[in-house]
Protein backbone atom coordinates (compact mmCIF):
# COMPACT_ATOMS: atom_id res chain seq x y z
CA MET A 1 -66.38 189.85 165.44
CA LYS A 2 -69.04 191.21 162.90
CA LEU A 3 -71.98 188.97 162.34
CA ARG A 4 -72.83 190.38 159.67
CA PRO A 5 -74.35 187.47 156.97
CA GLN A 6 -71.99 187.10 153.68
CA SER A 7 -74.78 185.98 151.59
CA LEU A 8 -76.96 188.82 149.07
CA LEU A 9 -79.97 186.84 150.69
CA GLY A 10 -79.20 187.04 153.83
CA GLN A 11 -78.04 190.65 153.94
CA THR A 12 -81.14 191.54 151.56
CA VAL A 13 -83.20 190.32 154.78
CA ILE A 14 -81.46 192.36 157.56
CA THR A 15 -81.73 195.56 155.37
CA ILE A 16 -85.72 194.72 155.22
CA ALA A 17 -85.85 193.94 158.38
CA LEU A 18 -84.71 196.96 159.84
CA THR A 19 -86.22 199.29 157.54
CA LEU A 20 -89.70 197.83 158.74
CA ALA A 21 -88.90 197.54 162.57
CA ALA A 22 -87.94 201.78 161.78
CA PHE A 23 -91.17 201.60 159.90
CA MET A 24 -92.90 200.31 162.63
CA VAL A 25 -91.20 201.96 165.58
CA ILE A 26 -92.42 205.35 163.24
CA SER A 27 -95.88 204.72 162.62
CA MET A 28 -96.09 203.50 166.35
CA GLY A 29 -94.69 206.83 167.79
CA ALA A 30 -96.85 208.80 165.10
CA ALA A 31 -100.12 206.68 166.09
CA VAL A 32 -99.38 207.24 169.63
CA TYR A 33 -98.88 211.07 169.46
CA PHE A 34 -101.41 212.18 166.38
CA ILE A 35 -104.20 209.45 167.89
CA TYR A 36 -103.82 207.76 170.77
CA LEU A 37 -102.99 210.39 172.60
CA PRO A 38 -105.49 212.86 171.78
CA MET A 39 -108.71 210.08 172.21
CA ALA A 40 -107.06 209.42 175.63
CA GLN A 41 -107.22 213.26 176.20
CA ARG A 42 -110.79 213.41 174.99
CA SER A 43 -111.85 210.18 176.91
CA ALA A 44 -110.54 211.71 180.25
CA ASP A 45 -112.19 214.96 179.59
CA ASP A 46 -115.44 213.39 178.53
CA PHE A 47 -115.50 211.39 182.17
CA ALA A 48 -114.54 214.67 184.05
CA ALA A 49 -117.42 216.15 182.80
CA VAL A 50 -119.82 213.09 183.63
CA ILE A 51 -118.21 212.73 187.00
CA VAL A 52 -118.73 216.85 188.03
CA SER A 53 -122.17 216.47 186.08
CA ALA A 54 -123.41 213.49 188.43
CA ALA A 55 -122.05 215.11 191.67
CA HIS A 56 -124.18 218.69 190.77
CA SER A 57 -127.01 216.09 189.71
CA LEU A 58 -126.97 214.58 193.13
CA GLN A 59 -127.23 217.38 194.81
CA SER A 60 -130.04 219.15 192.94
CA LEU A 61 -132.17 216.16 193.38
CA PRO A 62 -134.25 215.20 196.50
CA GLU A 63 -133.02 212.53 198.61
CA GLU A 64 -135.86 210.13 197.47
CA MET A 65 -134.75 210.36 193.73
CA HIS A 66 -131.05 209.52 194.56
CA ALA A 67 -131.36 205.89 194.15
CA GLU A 68 -132.87 206.21 190.56
CA LEU A 69 -129.86 208.23 189.60
CA GLN A 70 -127.23 205.95 190.91
CA GLU A 71 -128.40 203.02 188.97
CA GLN A 72 -128.72 205.45 185.85
CA LEU A 73 -125.22 206.61 186.32
CA LEU A 74 -124.12 202.79 187.25
CA ALA A 75 -125.83 201.13 184.11
CA ASP A 76 -124.38 203.96 181.65
CA HIS A 77 -121.24 205.16 183.17
CA GLY A 78 -119.74 202.72 185.61
CA LEU A 79 -120.19 204.74 188.21
CA ILE A 80 -120.73 204.12 191.80
CA VAL A 81 -122.03 206.39 194.95
CA ALA A 82 -120.66 206.11 198.30
CA ALA A 83 -120.32 207.83 201.71
CA GLU A 84 -117.64 209.83 202.07
CA THR A 85 -114.24 207.80 203.88
CA THR A 86 -111.39 208.92 205.43
CA ASP A 87 -109.08 205.28 204.86
CA LEU A 88 -108.37 205.72 201.23
CA THR A 89 -104.83 207.04 199.91
CA GLU A 90 -104.04 209.05 196.93
CA THR A 91 -103.46 207.13 193.56
CA SER A 92 -100.10 207.50 191.85
CA ASP A 93 -100.80 206.46 188.63
CA ASP A 94 -98.78 208.45 185.36
CA VAL A 95 -100.05 207.13 182.98
CA PRO A 96 -101.13 209.65 180.42
CA TYR A 97 -105.20 209.23 180.51
CA PHE A 98 -104.77 209.96 184.71
CA ALA A 99 -102.52 212.95 183.85
CA TYR A 100 -105.30 214.35 181.75
CA PHE A 101 -108.03 213.43 183.92
CA ARG A 102 -106.76 215.52 186.88
CA ASN A 103 -106.61 218.12 184.55
CA SER A 104 -109.98 218.24 183.38
CA LEU A 105 -111.79 217.56 186.62
CA LYS A 106 -109.62 220.89 187.81
CA ARG A 107 -110.66 222.78 185.16
CA ARG A 108 -114.26 221.85 185.57
CA ALA A 109 -114.64 221.50 189.26
CA GLY A 110 -112.43 224.92 189.99
CA GLU A 111 -109.82 222.84 192.47
CA ALA A 112 -107.64 220.29 192.30
CA LEU A 113 -110.19 217.18 193.42
CA PRO A 114 -108.43 214.41 195.23
CA ILE A 115 -108.26 210.87 193.75
CA THR A 116 -107.88 208.23 195.94
CA THR A 117 -107.98 204.44 196.47
CA THR A 118 -107.73 201.51 198.12
CA SER A 119 -104.81 198.82 198.61
CA ASP A 120 -107.50 195.72 198.31
CA ASN A 121 -109.51 197.55 195.93
CA PRO A 122 -110.04 198.10 192.29
CA LEU A 123 -112.10 201.03 192.56
CA ILE A 124 -111.11 204.53 192.02
CA TRP A 125 -112.79 207.34 194.00
CA VAL A 126 -113.03 211.30 193.50
CA ASP A 127 -114.18 213.61 195.90
CA VAL A 128 -116.67 215.88 193.88
CA PRO A 129 -118.00 219.12 196.42
CA ALA A 130 -121.24 220.35 194.67
CA HIS A 131 -122.70 223.73 196.28
CA GLY A 132 -121.12 222.84 199.58
CA LYS A 133 -121.78 219.22 199.69
CA THR A 134 -119.18 216.76 198.73
CA PHE A 135 -119.61 213.37 196.86
CA ARG A 136 -117.77 210.34 196.31
CA LEU A 137 -118.03 209.10 192.98
CA GLY A 138 -116.16 205.44 192.26
CA PHE A 139 -115.37 203.79 189.00
CA ASP A 140 -113.25 200.53 187.94
CA ARG A 141 -109.74 200.60 187.31
CA GLU A 142 -110.05 199.12 183.91
CA ARG A 143 -112.87 201.92 182.84
CA ALA A 144 -109.94 204.63 183.38
CA GLY A 145 -107.90 205.06 180.22
CA THR A 146 -108.80 204.46 176.92
CA ASN A 147 -107.87 201.54 174.28
CA PRO A 148 -105.90 202.21 171.35
CA PRO A 149 -107.48 201.83 167.83
CA VAL A 150 -106.89 198.01 167.21
CA ALA A 151 -107.70 198.28 163.33
CA LEU A 152 -105.13 200.66 163.04
CA LEU A 153 -102.53 198.87 164.99
CA LEU A 154 -103.68 195.30 162.60
CA ALA A 155 -103.05 197.53 159.89
CA ILE A 156 -99.53 198.64 160.57
CA GLY A 157 -98.35 195.67 161.84
CA GLY A 158 -100.10 193.21 159.06
CA GLY A 159 -98.49 195.96 156.35
CA ALA A 160 -95.43 195.18 157.52
CA LEU A 161 -95.48 191.49 158.04
CA LEU A 162 -97.39 191.66 154.27
CA THR A 163 -94.55 193.65 153.06
CA PHE A 164 -92.00 191.80 154.78
CA VAL A 165 -93.33 188.38 153.39
CA ALA A 166 -93.48 189.80 149.63
CA SER A 167 -90.15 191.28 149.88
CA MET A 168 -88.61 188.05 150.98
CA LEU A 169 -90.46 186.10 148.13
CA GLU A 170 -89.06 188.75 145.56
CA VAL A 171 -86.11 188.97 146.95
CA ARG A 172 -85.79 184.97 146.76
CA ARG A 173 -87.00 185.21 142.95
CA VAL A 174 -84.40 187.25 142.21
CA VAL A 175 -81.37 185.36 144.42
CA LYS A 176 -82.31 182.16 143.14
CA PRO A 177 -81.02 182.63 139.40
CA LEU A 178 -77.98 184.21 140.97
CA ASN A 179 -76.95 181.73 142.76
CA ARG A 180 -76.68 179.16 140.33
CA LEU A 181 -74.98 181.31 138.26
CA SER A 182 -72.59 181.65 141.33
CA LEU A 183 -72.04 178.18 141.41
CA ALA A 184 -71.86 177.50 137.45
CA VAL A 185 -68.89 180.17 137.77
CA GLN A 186 -67.33 178.22 140.37
CA GLU A 187 -67.37 175.03 138.98
CA LEU A 188 -66.03 176.28 135.54
CA GLY A 189 -63.31 178.21 137.52
CA SER A 190 -62.48 175.45 138.75
CA GLY A 191 -61.95 173.42 135.28
CA HIS A 192 -65.25 171.78 134.54
CA ASN A 193 -67.59 172.39 132.40
CA PRO A 194 -70.77 173.23 134.00
CA PRO A 195 -73.95 172.35 132.28
CA PRO A 196 -76.27 174.96 130.76
CA LEU A 197 -77.93 177.80 132.91
CA LEU A 198 -82.12 177.89 132.65
CA GLU A 199 -82.55 181.05 130.37
CA ASP A 200 -85.92 181.78 132.17
CA GLY A 201 -87.18 184.59 134.59
CA PRO A 202 -86.61 188.16 134.18
CA ARG A 203 -85.42 189.85 131.09
CA GLU A 204 -82.19 190.58 132.86
CA THR A 205 -81.50 187.52 134.17
CA ALA A 206 -82.53 185.98 131.51
CA GLU A 207 -79.84 187.61 129.39
CA LEU A 208 -77.53 186.87 132.01
CA ALA A 209 -77.63 183.39 132.41
CA ARG A 210 -77.63 183.56 128.30
CA ALA A 211 -74.23 185.40 128.33
CA PHE A 212 -72.60 182.86 130.68
CA ASN A 213 -73.67 179.97 128.54
CA ARG A 214 -72.52 181.38 125.13
CA MET A 215 -69.06 182.47 127.00
CA SER A 216 -68.94 179.05 128.91
CA ALA A 217 -69.46 176.87 125.23
CA ASP A 218 -67.04 179.38 123.81
CA LEU A 219 -64.38 178.54 126.70
CA SER A 220 -65.42 174.64 126.37
CA GLU A 221 -64.49 175.10 122.47
CA LEU A 222 -61.58 176.95 122.36
CA SER A 223 -60.57 174.32 125.37
CA ALA A 224 -60.81 171.81 122.53
CA ASN A 225 -59.41 173.14 119.88
CA ARG A 226 -56.66 173.67 122.32
CA THR A 227 -56.47 170.23 122.69
CA VAL A 228 -56.80 168.90 119.48
CA ILE A 229 -54.32 171.37 117.99
CA ILE A 230 -51.58 170.61 120.68
CA ALA A 231 -52.22 166.63 120.17
CA GLY A 232 -51.49 167.22 116.26
CA LEU A 233 -48.38 168.45 116.53
CA SER A 234 -47.30 166.46 119.65
CA HIS A 235 -47.84 163.58 117.30
CA ASP A 236 -46.18 165.14 114.30
CA LEU A 237 -43.08 165.89 115.99
CA ARG A 238 -43.08 162.29 117.76
CA THR A 239 -42.97 160.51 114.74
CA PRO A 240 -39.51 161.78 113.67
CA LEU A 241 -38.31 161.42 116.79
CA THR A 242 -39.35 158.25 116.64
CA ARG A 243 -37.38 157.72 113.72
CA LEU A 244 -34.77 159.73 114.89
CA GLU A 245 -34.53 156.91 118.29
CA LEU A 246 -34.59 154.44 116.30
CA ALA A 247 -31.57 155.50 113.77
CA VAL A 248 -29.58 155.96 116.41
CA GLU A 249 -30.55 152.83 117.95
CA MET A 250 -29.50 150.65 114.84
CA LEU A 251 -25.93 152.49 114.55
CA ASP A 252 -23.69 149.56 114.40
CA GLU A 253 -20.76 151.23 116.00
CA ASP A 254 -20.43 154.24 117.84
CA PRO A 255 -17.85 156.85 116.03
CA ARG A 256 -18.57 159.37 117.85
CA PRO A 257 -20.24 158.20 121.26
CA LYS A 258 -20.33 161.74 123.04
CA LEU A 259 -21.97 162.95 120.22
CA VAL A 260 -24.38 160.02 120.11
CA ALA A 261 -25.44 160.20 123.87
CA GLY A 262 -26.22 163.92 123.38
CA ILE A 263 -28.40 163.19 120.96
CA ARG A 264 -29.88 160.29 123.03
CA ARG A 265 -29.99 163.23 125.58
CA ASP A 266 -31.82 165.29 123.57
CA LEU A 267 -34.52 163.00 122.15
CA ALA A 268 -35.56 162.15 125.98
CA ALA A 269 -35.76 165.83 126.83
CA MET A 270 -37.49 167.22 123.65
CA ASN A 271 -40.53 163.81 124.57
CA SER A 272 -40.19 164.84 127.98
CA LEU A 273 -41.53 168.23 126.82
CA ILE A 274 -44.13 166.71 124.04
CA GLY A 275 -45.26 164.97 127.00
CA GLN A 276 -45.84 167.95 129.80
CA PHE A 277 -47.27 169.92 126.31
CA LEU A 278 -50.12 167.05 126.28
CA GLN A 279 -50.50 166.67 129.85
CA PHE A 280 -51.17 170.49 130.22
CA SER A 281 -53.89 170.59 127.02
CA ARG A 282 -56.01 167.85 128.40
CA GLY A 283 -55.27 168.47 132.40
CA ILE A 284 -56.16 165.48 134.42
CA GLU A 285 -59.79 164.62 134.70
CA LYS A 286 -60.63 164.80 138.36
CA GLU A 287 -60.87 161.37 139.90
CA ARG A 288 -62.99 160.29 142.68
CA PRO A 289 -61.04 160.79 145.88
CA VAL A 290 -58.94 157.51 147.77
CA GLU A 291 -58.00 157.03 150.90
CA LEU A 292 -53.83 157.76 150.82
CA ASP A 293 -51.45 158.46 153.95
CA LEU A 294 -50.11 161.92 152.90
CA TRP A 295 -46.43 161.03 154.54
CA GLU A 296 -46.12 157.84 152.21
CA THR A 297 -46.88 160.26 149.21
CA ILE A 298 -44.37 162.51 150.36
CA GLU A 299 -41.75 159.75 150.65
CA SER A 300 -42.79 158.15 147.62
CA GLN A 301 -42.09 161.79 145.51
CA SER A 302 -39.00 162.73 147.59
CA GLU A 303 -37.21 158.90 146.57
CA ASP A 304 -37.94 159.53 142.96
CA LEU A 305 -36.32 163.33 143.33
CA THR A 306 -33.46 161.63 145.36
CA ARG A 307 -32.58 158.71 143.04
CA GLU A 308 -31.88 161.55 140.02
CA GLY A 309 -29.11 163.50 142.81
CA ALA A 310 -31.12 165.88 144.87
CA LYS A 311 -30.83 166.10 148.65
CA LEU A 312 -33.83 165.97 150.86
CA GLN A 313 -34.85 166.69 154.10
CA LEU A 314 -38.70 165.09 155.15
CA ASP A 315 -39.98 166.59 158.45
CA ARG A 316 -43.61 165.51 159.54
CA HIS A 317 -44.79 167.80 162.99
CA ASP A 318 -48.05 166.08 163.62
CA PRO A 319 -49.30 162.37 163.58
CA PRO A 320 -49.76 160.14 160.72
CA CYS A 321 -52.54 161.51 157.84
CA VAL A 322 -55.02 159.71 156.40
CA TYR A 323 -56.35 162.05 153.70
CA PHE A 324 -58.83 161.70 150.97
CA ALA A 325 -57.55 162.60 147.63
CA ASP A 326 -56.86 161.98 143.89
CA PRO A 327 -53.43 160.27 144.11
CA VAL A 328 -52.47 160.97 140.78
CA ALA A 329 -53.26 164.64 140.76
CA LEU A 330 -51.57 165.19 144.48
CA ALA A 331 -48.74 162.96 143.20
CA ARG A 332 -48.21 165.06 140.09
CA VAL A 333 -48.55 168.24 141.96
CA LEU A 334 -45.52 167.22 144.17
CA SER A 335 -43.48 165.91 141.81
CA ASN A 336 -43.78 169.03 140.10
CA LEU A 337 -42.74 171.51 143.21
CA LEU A 338 -40.24 169.18 144.07
CA ALA A 339 -38.48 169.60 140.67
CA ASN A 340 -38.58 172.99 140.42
CA ALA A 341 -37.31 173.64 143.69
CA ALA A 342 -34.85 171.03 142.68
CA TYR A 343 -33.77 173.21 139.57
CA HIS A 344 -33.64 176.55 141.24
CA GLY A 345 -32.19 175.26 144.86
CA GLY A 346 -28.50 174.01 143.26
CA ASP A 347 -27.05 171.96 145.57
CA SER A 348 -28.68 172.83 148.69
CA THR A 349 -30.97 171.02 150.59
CA ILE A 350 -34.72 170.62 150.37
CA ASP A 351 -36.54 171.07 153.14
CA VAL A 352 -40.11 169.51 153.14
CA GLU A 353 -42.78 169.39 156.03
CA LEU A 354 -46.47 168.15 156.58
CA HIS A 355 -48.17 170.14 159.05
CA CYS A 356 -51.47 168.02 159.59
CA ASN A 357 -54.10 169.30 162.51
CA GLU A 358 -57.87 169.92 162.87
CA GLN A 359 -57.33 174.13 161.79
CA ALA A 360 -55.38 173.38 158.66
CA VAL A 361 -53.53 170.72 156.06
CA THR A 362 -50.71 171.88 154.50
CA ILE A 363 -47.12 170.73 152.68
CA GLU A 364 -44.52 172.80 152.56
CA ILE A 365 -41.47 172.97 150.22
CA SER A 366 -38.83 174.97 150.87
CA ASP A 367 -35.22 175.89 148.94
CA ARG A 368 -32.51 178.27 148.72
CA GLY A 369 -32.51 178.91 145.62
CA PRO A 370 -32.12 182.66 144.58
CA GLY A 371 -36.01 183.33 145.34
CA ILE A 372 -38.91 185.11 143.47
CA PRO A 373 -39.85 188.79 142.98
CA ALA A 374 -42.97 189.93 144.49
CA ASP A 375 -44.53 190.97 141.20
CA GLN A 376 -43.31 187.83 139.73
CA ILE A 377 -45.49 184.99 141.95
CA GLU A 378 -48.63 185.54 140.23
CA ALA A 379 -46.74 185.22 136.74
CA VAL A 380 -44.63 181.98 137.08
CA PHE A 381 -48.10 180.43 137.29
CA GLN A 382 -48.52 181.13 133.72
CA PRO A 383 -48.14 178.77 131.21
CA PHE A 384 -44.26 178.87 129.11
CA HIS A 385 -43.24 181.96 131.88
CA ARG A 386 -40.01 181.79 133.58
CA LEU A 387 -37.77 184.19 135.35
CA GLU A 388 -34.65 183.66 133.48
CA THR A 389 -33.90 184.09 129.90
CA ALA A 390 -31.84 181.12 129.51
CA ARG A 391 -33.58 177.62 129.28
CA GLY A 392 -32.08 175.21 131.95
CA ASN A 393 -30.61 172.01 130.56
CA ARG A 394 -31.48 170.22 133.13
CA THR A 395 -35.42 169.87 132.51
CA GLY A 396 -35.82 170.68 129.73
CA GLY A 397 -36.95 174.52 130.27
CA SER A 398 -40.83 174.38 129.34
CA GLY A 399 -42.17 176.52 132.03
CA LEU A 400 -45.04 174.17 132.69
CA GLY A 401 -44.38 172.59 135.61
CA LEU A 402 -45.90 175.30 138.50
CA ALA A 403 -48.65 175.66 135.43
CA ILE A 404 -49.76 172.68 135.85
CA ALA A 405 -49.37 171.94 139.16
CA ARG A 406 -51.95 175.42 139.72
CA GLN A 407 -54.01 173.91 137.23
CA LEU A 408 -54.66 170.61 139.05
CA ALA A 409 -54.78 172.12 142.49
CA ILE A 410 -57.52 174.30 141.32
CA LYS A 411 -59.31 171.63 140.04
CA HIS A 412 -59.10 169.81 143.02
CA GLY A 413 -59.93 172.80 145.80
CA TRP A 414 -56.47 173.09 146.91
CA THR A 415 -54.33 175.89 146.90
CA ILE A 416 -50.69 176.44 146.29
CA ASP A 417 -48.75 179.82 147.53
CA LEU A 418 -45.06 180.75 146.91
CA LEU A 419 -43.71 183.16 149.91
CA PRO A 420 -40.00 183.96 150.44
CA ARG A 421 -38.15 181.91 152.86
CA ASP A 422 -36.18 183.30 155.86
CA GLY A 423 -32.53 183.50 155.03
CA GLY A 424 -33.58 183.14 151.29
CA GLY A 425 -34.93 181.27 148.74
CA THR A 426 -39.29 180.16 148.35
CA VAL A 427 -41.24 178.12 150.36
CA ALA A 428 -43.88 176.40 148.04
CA ARG A 429 -47.27 175.44 150.65
CA VAL A 430 -49.58 173.31 149.14
CA GLY A 431 -53.15 173.52 151.42
CA LEU A 432 -55.51 170.90 151.63
CA PRO A 433 -58.83 171.53 152.89
CA PRO A 434 -59.12 169.66 156.36
CA ALA A 435 -62.85 168.10 156.48
CA HIS A 436 -60.86 165.57 153.76
CA ARG A 437 -58.50 164.32 156.57
CA ARG A 438 -58.48 161.74 159.25
CA CYS A 439 -55.62 161.64 161.32
CA SER A 440 -54.85 158.69 163.25
CA HIS A 441 -53.26 158.72 167.01
């Protein structure tokens, strides 16, 4: 499972952190190879020269002057002169300093010199021969080695930290307006009108915000114009329709009852179409969610369709599910999907299933109709799009049912998928966010 962050800020932080970590490794490696190791070699060589020189000085000076020289060696170089003993073991320190120290002693003394220590003493001893006499000189273990240049390490670490902090501030300054734009785009895609973005900051982000504000204003204007146009046309159409309905009702006698009944059906269908046009043009405003029982909502919409002669089979797979949603919008979505299944499924039974658990909340409406070609699944959600060329008489053939359902689903954060059904037909699956559910057992 990949743990790569999905946000631009997270990915940028990881990239900068890894880059600075690589920079630190390379810088430290270069500092050790080109600065620390040469310094350790030089320090070891100088200290070996002091030890060998001290042994030769002790051999050349008379005994009465040894005490004064020993005090000077201790004060200046931390060296202790001791009598030769045999209870010492050779040290096995493998740090670079001791390797350089051994080589320097061998080169200056002309032979390999044993470096010994005791288990209970932090002193390190070197037996140095000088003109036939051996002197044992000791020094504290902390004296062996060299400290890396602290200023260099602080400069590298501090520079990397400062670069990281500055990069984070810069990235945040760039990502912040992008986050605002992303939220505004999501709100616009859900059918709402987001407030205008601030047109400040760098020139590129300011121009991007300005372009989005223009686009949002244009879309809002287009939507308003569409509503006005369709509302005006619907009003103009309904006026003569109302007069026709009134004229039909005022007929004292029906010389042709079948003809009059047909006129009434056509008038009702035209009024239904006009109502759907108005609903699509305006949409349904997002209302405050209320607590409702999904199964009761499904049963209510199914009963309405059953009264019109459709056959339905309801199946609830999980315990009762209480959900927070806009009841008008959800009822409209289910009504349109059920009507679509009844129209295309013919006389076959429509299966309605509710799944409500912690992972998902779905409502599936399955029919045994001819199905939808794979290349037409998204097209059927477009307004006025129909698979068949002839308009049906049962529904009036508006081609707006699925478009209205998709529009409402997007506005409320739901999903609608049309899937092929095993054995033929279509499954309309409504997906609801499980976070808004409350199951009662």
